[in-house]
Amino acid sequence: MNLVELTEFLVKSVSKNPDMVSVKEFKNDEETVIEVLVDSEDISAIIGKNGVIINAIRNIVNLAAYNKQENSVKINIESF
């Protein structure tokens, strides 16, 4: 499972509308940026109280990147 699939799985697991989740990856020399688009109703569930859920997702994905000896990962969450 690559980092995009892992991120998509984790976000869809928390989301109320998993069919509305879109995940895209952008790479450069220093880091990998993963853009996550979710329904506006799901943004509060994905972020969680005080950012606890999104920070956990970021930690899991960064640990997976570290284990695969890849660049650091930055996850951006947007709603539509």
PDB file of N, CA and C in Angstrom:
ATOM      1  N   MET A   1       0.850  -1.175   0.000  1.00  0.00           N
ATOM      2  CA  MET A   1       0.000   0.000   0.000  1.00  0.00           C
ATOM      3  C   MET A   1       0.896   1.239   0.000  1.00  0.00           C
ATOM      4  N   ASN A   2       0.685   2.126  -0.975  1.00  0.00           N
ATOM      5  CA  ASN A   2       1.488   3.345  -1.015  1.00  0.00           C
ATOM      6  C   ASN A   2       0.876   4.411  -0.095  1.00  0.00           C
ATOM      7  N   LEU A   3       1.540   5.547  -0.009  1.00  0.00           N
ATOM      8  CA  LEU A   3       1.132   6.580   0.940  1.00  0.00           C
ATOM      9  C   LEU A   3      -0.216   7.205   0.590  1.00  0.00           C
ATOM     10  N   VAL A   4      -0.502   7.348  -0.692  1.00  0.00           N
ATOM     11  CA  VAL A   4      -1.787   7.913  -1.103  1.00  0.00           C
ATOM     12  C   VAL A   4      -2.923   6.967  -0.739  1.00  0.00           C
ATOM     13  N   GLU A   5      -2.736   5.677  -1.004  1.00  0.00           N
ATOM     14  CA  GLU A   5      -3.772   4.693  -0.648  1.00  0.00           C
ATOM     15  C   GLU A   5      -3.982   4.637   0.855  1.00  0.00           C
ATOM     16  N   LEU A   6      -2.896   4.724   1.616  1.00  0.00           N
ATOM     17  CA  LEU A   6      -3.000   4.717   3.075  1.00  0.00           C
ATOM     18  C   LEU A   6      -3.765   5.938   3.577  1.00  0.00           C
ATOM     19  N   THR A   7      -3.429   7.106   3.040  1.00  0.00           N
ATOM     20  CA  THR A   7      -4.124   8.332   3.428  1.00  0.00           C
ATOM     21  C   THR A   7      -5.598   8.261   3.069  1.00  0.00           C
ATOM     22  N   GLU A   8      -5.887   7.786   1.863  1.00  0.00           N
ATOM     23  CA  GLU A   8      -7.275   7.671   1.421  1.00  0.00           C
ATOM     24  C   GLU A   8      -8.050   6.702   2.317  1.00  0.00           C
ATOM     25  N   PHE A   9      -7.446   5.575   2.673  1.00  0.00           N
ATOM     26  CA  PHE A   9      -8.094   4.609   3.551  1.00  0.00           C
ATOM     27  C   PHE A   9      -8.407   5.217   4.914  1.00  0.00           C
ATOM     28  N   LEU A  10      -7.440   5.919   5.491  1.00  0.00           N
ATOM     29  CA  LEU A  10      -7.637   6.509   6.818  1.00  0.00           C
ATOM     30  C   LEU A  10      -8.704   7.598   6.800  1.00  0.00           C
ATOM     31  N   VAL A  11      -8.685   8.448   5.786  1.00  0.00           N
ATOM     32  CA  VAL A  11      -9.667   9.535   5.711  1.00  0.00           C
ATOM     33  C   VAL A  11     -11.063   8.976   5.451  1.00  0.00           C
ATOM     34  N   LYS A  12     -11.164   8.003   4.561  1.00  0.00           N
ATOM     35  CA  LYS A  12     -12.472   7.407   4.274  1.00  0.00           C
ATOM     36  C   LYS A  12     -13.032   6.669   5.486  1.00  0.00           C
ATOM     37  N   SER A  13     -12.157   6.141   6.337  1.00  0.00           N
ATOM     38  CA  SER A  13     -12.606   5.443   7.541  1.00  0.00           C
ATOM     39  C   SER A  13     -13.286   6.389   8.524  1.00  0.00           C
ATOM     40  N   VAL A  14     -12.889   7.644   8.523  1.00  0.00           N
ATOM     41  CA  VAL A  14     -13.443   8.633   9.447  1.00  0.00           C
ATOM     42  C   VAL A  14     -14.607   9.389   8.820  1.00  0.00           C
ATOM     43  N   SER A  15     -14.637   9.458   7.503  1.00  0.00           N
ATOM     44  CA  SER A  15     -15.601  10.271   6.780  1.00  0.00           C
ATOM     45  C   SER A  15     -17.011   9.695   6.812  1.00  0.00           C
ATOM     46  N   LYS A  16     -18.017  10.585   6.836  1.00  0.00           N
ATOM     47  CA  LYS A  16     -19.415  10.170   6.752  1.00  0.00           C
ATOM     48  C   LYS A  16     -19.814   9.894   5.308  1.00  0.00           C
ATOM     49  N   ASN A  17     -19.152  10.565   4.368  1.00  0.00           N
ATOM     50  CA  ASN A  17     -19.407  10.400   2.938  1.00  0.00           C
ATOM     51  C   ASN A  17     -18.107   9.942   2.257  1.00  0.00           C
ATOM     52  N   PRO A  18     -17.723   8.683   2.404  1.00  0.00           N
ATOM     53  CA  PRO A  18     -16.436   8.241   1.858  1.00  0.00           C
ATOM     54  C   PRO A  18     -16.345   8.319   0.338  1.00  0.00           C
ATOM     55  N   ASP A  19     -17.491   8.324  -0.352  1.00  0.00           N
ATOM     56  CA  ASP A  19     -17.459   8.418  -1.813  1.00  0.00           C
ATOM     57  C   ASP A  19     -17.049   9.803  -2.290  1.00  0.00           C
ATOM     58  N   MET A  20     -17.124  10.789  -1.420  1.00  0.00           N
ATOM     59  CA  MET A  20     -16.802  12.165  -1.778  1.00  0.00           C
ATOM     60  C   MET A  20     -15.338  12.524  -1.493  1.00  0.00           C
ATOM     61  N   VAL A  21     -14.538  11.577  -1.042  1.00  0.00           N
ATOM     62  CA  VAL A  21     -13.137  11.828  -0.703  1.00  0.00           C
ATOM     63  C   VAL A  21     -12.274  11.685  -1.957  1.00  0.00           C
ATOM     64  N   SER A  22     -11.418  12.667  -2.186  1.00  0.00           N
ATOM     65  CA  SER A  22     -10.485  12.641  -3.308  1.00  0.00           C
ATOM     66  C   SER A  22      -9.088  12.914  -2.775  1.00  0.00           C
ATOM     67  N   VAL A  23      -8.118  12.086  -3.173  1.00  0.00           N
ATOM     68  CA  VAL A  23      -6.750  12.222  -2.690  1.00  0.00           C
ATOM     69  C   VAL A  23      -5.809  12.291  -3.889  1.00  0.00           C
ATOM     70  N   LYS A  24      -4.924  13.292  -3.896  1.00  0.00           N
ATOM     71  CA  LYS A  24      -3.940  13.451  -4.966  1.00  0.00           C
ATOM     72  C   LYS A  24      -2.563  13.673  -4.357  1.00  0.00           C
ATOM     73  N   GLU A  25      -1.550  13.255  -5.085  1.00  0.00           N
ATOM     74  CA  GLU A  25      -0.176  13.345  -4.606  1.00  0.00           C
ATOM     75  C   GLU A  25       0.645  14.244  -5.522  1.00  0.00           C
ATOM     76  N   PHE A  26       1.468  15.090  -4.907  1.00  0.00           N
ATOM     77  CA  PHE A  26       2.399  15.947  -5.627  1.00  0.00           C
ATOM     78  C   PHE A  26       3.766  15.769  -4.991  1.00  0.00           C
ATOM     79  N   LYS A  27       4.784  15.450  -5.802  1.00  0.00           N
ATOM     80  CA  LYS A  27       6.125  15.223  -5.266  1.00  0.00           C
ATOM     81  C   LYS A  27       7.081  16.293  -5.753  1.00  0.00           C
ATOM     82  N   ASN A  28       8.025  16.630  -4.884  1.00  0.00           N
ATOM     83  CA  ASN A  28       9.171  17.427  -5.281  1.00  0.00           C
ATOM     84  C   ASN A  28      10.401  16.809  -4.630  1.00  0.00           C
ATOM     85  N   ASP A  29      11.547  17.444  -4.743  1.00  0.00           N
ATOM     86  CA  ASP A  29      12.783  16.854  -4.233  1.00  0.00           C
ATOM     87  C   ASP A  29      12.810  16.711  -2.720  1.00  0.00           C
ATOM     88  N   GLU A  30      12.159  17.624  -2.014  1.00  0.00           N
ATOM     89  CA  GLU A  30      12.263  17.657  -0.559  1.00  0.00           C
ATOM     90  C   GLU A  30      11.141  16.934   0.171  1.00  0.00           C
ATOM     91  N   GLU A  31       9.922  16.986  -0.365  1.00  0.00           N
ATOM     92  CA  GLU A  31       8.794  16.394   0.340  1.00  0.00           C
ATOM     93  C   GLU A  31       7.707  15.958  -0.623  1.00  0.00           C
ATOM     94  N   THR A  32       6.788  15.185  -0.094  1.00  0.00           N
ATOM     95  CA  THR A  32       5.610  14.769  -0.835  1.00  0.00           C
ATOM     96  C   THR A  32       4.415  15.486  -0.222  1.00  0.00           C
ATOM     97  N   VAL A  33       3.591  16.090  -1.074  1.00  0.00           N
ATOM     98  CA  VAL A  33       2.390  16.786  -0.607  1.00  0.00           C
ATOM     99  C   VAL A  33       1.186  15.960  -1.050  1.00  0.00           C
ATOM    100  N   ILE A  34       0.334  15.622  -0.096  1.00  0.00           N
ATOM    101  CA  ILE A  34      -0.885  14.886  -0.382  1.00  0.00           C
ATOM    102  C   ILE A  34      -2.059  15.825  -0.129  1.00  0.00           C
ATOM    103  N   GLU A  35      -2.817  16.078  -1.178  1.00  0.00           N
ATOM    104  CA  GLU A  35      -3.996  16.944  -1.102  1.00  0.00           C
ATOM    105  C   GLU A  35      -5.233  16.065  -0.919  1.00  0.00           C
ATOM    106  N   VAL A  36      -6.016  16.343   0.109  1.00  0.00           N
ATOM    107  CA  VAL A  36      -7.229  15.587   0.393  1.00  0.00           C
ATOM    108  C   VAL A  36      -8.417  16.531   0.283  1.00  0.00           C
ATOM    109  N   LEU A  37      -9.354  16.178  -0.577  1.00  0.00           N
ATOM    110  CA  LEU A  37     -10.594  16.942  -0.717  1.00  0.00           C
ATOM    111  C   LEU A  37     -11.734  16.128  -0.120  1.00  0.00           C
ATOM    112  N   VAL A  38     -12.491  16.737   0.788  1.00  0.00           N
ATOM    113  CA  VAL A  38     -13.614  16.067   1.428  1.00  0.00           C
ATOM    114  C   VAL A  38     -14.849  16.958   1.351  1.00  0.00           C
ATOM    115  N   ASP A  39     -15.992  16.357   1.573  1.00  0.00           N
ATOM    116  CA  ASP A  39     -17.254  17.096   1.617  1.00  0.00           C
ATOM    117  C   ASP A  39     -17.213  18.066   2.800  1.00  0.00           C
ATOM    118  N   SER A  40     -17.857  19.212   2.654  1.00  0.00           N
ATOM    119  CA  SER A  40     -17.818  20.223   3.716  1.00  0.00           C
ATOM    120  C   SER A  40     -18.418  19.715   5.026  1.00  0.00           C
ATOM    121  N   GLU A  41     -19.315  18.738   4.960  1.00  0.00           N
ATOM    122  CA  GLU A  41     -19.888  18.165   6.180  1.00  0.00           C
ATOM    123  C   GLU A  41     -18.885  17.300   6.938  1.00  0.00           C
ATOM    124  N   ASP A  42     -17.872  16.800   6.248  1.00  0.00           N
ATOM    125  CA  ASP A  42     -16.905  15.886   6.853  1.00  0.00           C
ATOM    126  C   ASP A  42     -15.666  16.566   7.410  1.00  0.00           C
ATOM    127  N   ILE A  43     -15.457  17.816   7.097  1.00  0.00           N
ATOM    128  CA  ILE A  43     -14.204  18.462   7.478  1.00  0.00           C
ATOM    129  C   ILE A  43     -14.001  18.471   8.992  1.00  0.00           C
ATOM    130  N   SER A  44     -15.054  18.674   9.756  1.00  0.00           N
ATOM    131  CA  SER A  44     -14.899  18.683  11.220  1.00  0.00           C
ATOM    132  C   SER A  44     -14.598  17.295  11.759  1.00  0.00           C
ATOM    133  N   ALA A  45     -15.149  16.260  11.129  1.00  0.00           N
ATOM    134  CA  ALA A  45     -14.860  14.888  11.567  1.00  0.00           C
ATOM    135  C   ALA A  45     -13.427  14.502  11.227  1.00  0.00           C
ATOM    136  N   ILE A  46     -12.922  14.959  10.105  1.00  0.00           N
ATOM    137  CA  ILE A  46     -11.559  14.627   9.697  1.00  0.00           C
ATOM    138  C   ILE A  46     -10.545  15.353  10.577  1.00  0.00           C
ATOM    139  N   ILE A  47     -10.807  16.602  10.887  1.00  0.00           N
ATOM    140  CA  ILE A  47      -9.877  17.366  11.717  1.00  0.00           C
ATOM    141  C   ILE A  47      -9.953  16.902  13.161  1.00  0.00           C
ATOM    142  N   GLY A  48     -11.152  16.694  13.670  1.00  0.00           N
ATOM    143  CA  GLY A  48     -11.315  16.255  15.050  1.00  0.00           C
ATOM    144  C   GLY A  48     -11.141  17.399  16.024  1.00  0.00           C
ATOM    145  N   LYS A  49     -11.476  17.144  17.277  1.00  0.00           N
ATOM    146  CA  LYS A  49     -11.363  18.169  18.309  1.00  0.00           C
ATOM    147  C   LYS A  49      -9.890  18.496  18.541  1.00  0.00           C
ATOM    148  N   ASN A  50      -9.558  19.776  18.420  1.00  0.00           N
ATOM    149  CA  ASN A  50      -8.185  20.265  18.564  1.00  0.00           C
ATOM    150  C   ASN A  50      -7.217  19.622  17.571  1.00  0.00           C
ATOM    151  N   GLY A  51      -7.717  19.129  16.434  1.00  0.00           N
ATOM    152  CA  GLY A  51      -6.860  18.560  15.400  1.00  0.00           C
ATOM    153  C   GLY A  51      -6.314  17.181  15.707  1.00  0.00           C
ATOM    154  N   VAL A  52      -6.927  16.491  16.647  1.00  0.00           N
ATOM    155  CA  VAL A  52      -6.403  15.199  17.088  1.00  0.00           C
ATOM    156  C   VAL A  52      -6.432  14.159  15.964  1.00  0.00           C
ATOM    157  N   ILE A  53      -7.529  14.085  15.221  1.00  0.00           N
ATOM    158  CA  ILE A  53      -7.667  13.050  14.183  1.00  0.00           C
ATOM    159  C   ILE A  53      -6.697  13.298  13.030  1.00  0.00           C
ATOM    160  N   ILE A  54      -6.645  14.537  12.523  1.00  0.00           N
ATOM    161  CA  ILE A  54      -5.757  14.811  11.395  1.00  0.00           C
ATOM    162  C   ILE A  54      -4.300  14.657  11.800  1.00  0.00           C
ATOM    163  N   ASN A  55      -3.955  15.006  13.027  1.00  0.00           N
ATOM    164  CA  ASN A  55      -2.580  14.809  13.489  1.00  0.00           C
ATOM    165  C   ASN A  55      -2.239  13.325  13.569  1.00  0.00           C
ATOM    166  N   ALA A  56      -3.182  12.501  13.982  1.00  0.00           N
ATOM    167  CA  ALA A  56      -2.949  11.055  14.015  1.00  0.00           C
ATOM    168  C   ALA A  56      -2.749  10.517  12.604  1.00  0.00           C
ATOM    169  N   ILE A  57      -3.565  10.978  11.658  1.00  0.00           N
ATOM    170  CA  ILE A  57      -3.421  10.544  10.262  1.00  0.00           C
ATOM    171  C   ILE A  57      -2.053  10.967   9.733  1.00  0.00           C
ATOM    172  N   ARG A  58      -1.659  12.193  10.002  1.00  0.00           N
ATOM    173  CA  ARG A  58      -0.347  12.677   9.553  1.00  0.00           C
ATOM    174  C   ARG A  58       0.786  11.854  10.154  1.00  0.00           C
ATOM    175  N   ASN A  59       0.682  11.515  11.433  1.00  0.00           N
ATOM    176  CA  ASN A  59       1.717  10.711  12.086  1.00  0.00           C
ATOM    177  C   ASN A  59       1.821   9.331  11.460  1.00  0.00           C
ATOM    178  N   ILE A  60       0.696   8.685  11.206  1.00  0.00           N
ATOM    179  CA  ILE A  60       0.705   7.348  10.621  1.00  0.00           C
ATOM    180  C   ILE A  60       1.325   7.368   9.229  1.00  0.00           C
ATOM    181  N   VAL A  61       0.937   8.350   8.412  1.00  0.00           N
ATOM    182  CA  VAL A  61       1.458   8.436   7.043  1.00  0.00           C
ATOM    183  C   VAL A  61       2.949   8.775   7.059  1.00  0.00           C
ATOM    184  N   ASN A  62       3.378   9.655   7.943  1.00  0.00           N
ATOM    185  CA  ASN A  62       4.805   9.980   8.030  1.00  0.00           C
ATOM    186  C   ASN A  62       5.627   8.793   8.520  1.00  0.00           C
ATOM    187  N   LEU A  63       5.085   8.005   9.427  1.00  0.00           N
ATOM    188  CA  LEU A  63       5.782   6.794   9.867  1.00  0.00           C
ATOM    189  C   LEU A  63       5.908   5.789   8.733  1.00  0.00           C
ATOM    190  N   ALA A  64       4.860   5.647   7.927  1.00  0.00           N
ATOM    191  CA  ALA A  64       4.918   4.751   6.771  1.00  0.00           C
ATOM    192  C   ALA A  64       5.960   5.245   5.772  1.00  0.00           C
ATOM    193  N   ALA A  65       6.038   6.556   5.561  1.00  0.00           N
ATOM    194  CA  ALA A  65       7.046   7.124   4.658  1.00  0.00           C
ATOM    195  C   ALA A  65       8.454   6.883   5.201  1.00  0.00           C
ATOM    196  N   TYR A  66       8.627   7.037   6.489  1.00  0.00           N
ATOM    197  CA  TYR A  66       9.927   6.796   7.111  1.00  0.00           C
ATOM    198  C   TYR A  66      10.345   5.335   6.953  1.00  0.00           C
ATOM    199  N   ASN A  67       9.399   4.414   7.146  1.00  0.00           N
ATOM    200  CA  ASN A  67       9.707   2.983   7.000  1.00  0.00           C
ATOM    201  C   ASN A  67      10.078   2.621   5.574  1.00  0.00           C
ATOM    202  N   LYS A  68       9.511   3.334   4.602  1.00  0.00           N
ATOM    203  CA  LYS A  68       9.818   3.084   3.187  1.00  0.00           C
ATOM    204  C   LYS A  68      10.992   3.938   2.712  1.00  0.00           C
ATOM    205  N   GLN A  69      11.593   4.681   3.612  1.00  0.00           N
ATOM    206  CA  GLN A  69      12.726   5.567   3.341  1.00  0.00           C
ATOM    207  C   GLN A  69      12.394   6.567   2.234  1.00  0.00           C
ATOM    208  N   GLU A  70      11.213   7.154   2.335  1.00  0.00           N
ATOM    209  CA  GLU A  70      10.777   8.180   1.402  1.00  0.00           C
ATOM    210  C   GLU A  70      10.867   9.553   2.055  1.00  0.00           C
ATOM    211  N   ASN A  71      10.636  10.595   1.260  1.00  0.00           N
ATOM    212  CA  ASN A  71      10.648  11.970   1.771  1.00  0.00           C
ATOM    213  C   ASN A  71       9.539  12.164   2.795  1.00  0.00           C
ATOM    214  N   SER A  72       9.650  13.244   3.559  1.00  0.00           N
ATOM    215  CA  SER A  72       8.592  13.567   4.506  1.00  0.00           C
ATOM    216  C   SER A  72       7.315  13.908   3.758  1.00  0.00           C
ATOM    217  N   VAL A  73       6.186  13.760   4.436  1.00  0.00           N
ATOM    218  CA  VAL A  73       4.881  13.943   3.814  1.00  0.00           C
ATOM    219  C   VAL A  73       4.150  15.093   4.490  1.00  0.00           C
ATOM    220  N   LYS A  74       3.554  15.945   3.670  1.00  0.00           N
ATOM    221  CA  LYS A  74       2.712  17.019   4.162  1.00  0.00           C
ATOM    222  C   LYS A  74       1.298  16.745   3.653  1.00  0.00           C
ATOM    223  N   ILE A  75       0.311  16.748   4.546  1.00  0.00           N
ATOM    224  CA  ILE A  75      -1.072  16.474   4.168  1.00  0.00           C
ATOM    225  C   ILE A  75      -1.890  17.751   4.317  1.00  0.00           C
ATOM    226  N   ASN A  76      -2.526  18.161   3.232  1.00  0.00           N
ATOM    227  CA  ASN A  76      -3.403  19.326   3.240  1.00  0.00           C
ATOM    228  C   ASN A  76      -4.835  18.859   3.075  1.00  0.00           C
ATOM    229  N   ILE A  77      -5.731  19.374   3.911  1.00  0.00           N
ATOM    230  CA  ILE A  77      -7.150  19.011   3.859  1.00  0.00           C
ATOM    231  C   ILE A  77      -7.931  20.220   3.353  1.00  0.00           C
ATOM    232  N   GLU A  78      -8.771  20.013   2.373  1.00  0.00           N
ATOM    233  CA  GLU A  78      -9.645  21.050   1.830  1.00  0.00           C
ATOM    234  C   GLU A  78     -11.052  20.490   1.723  1.00  0.00           C
ATOM    235  N   SER A  79     -12.049  21.360   1.761  1.00  0.00           N
ATOM    236  CA  SER A  79     -13.442  20.913   1.591  1.00  0.00           C
ATOM    237  C   SER A  79     -14.031  21.583   0.376  1.00  0.00           C
ATOM    238  N   PHE A  80     -15.080  20.982  -0.155  1.00  0.00           N
ATOM    239  CA  PHE A  80     -15.791  21.575  -1.296  1.00  0.00           C
ATOM    240  C   PHE A  80     -17.269  21.539  -1.049  1.00  0.00           C
TER     241      PHE A  80
END
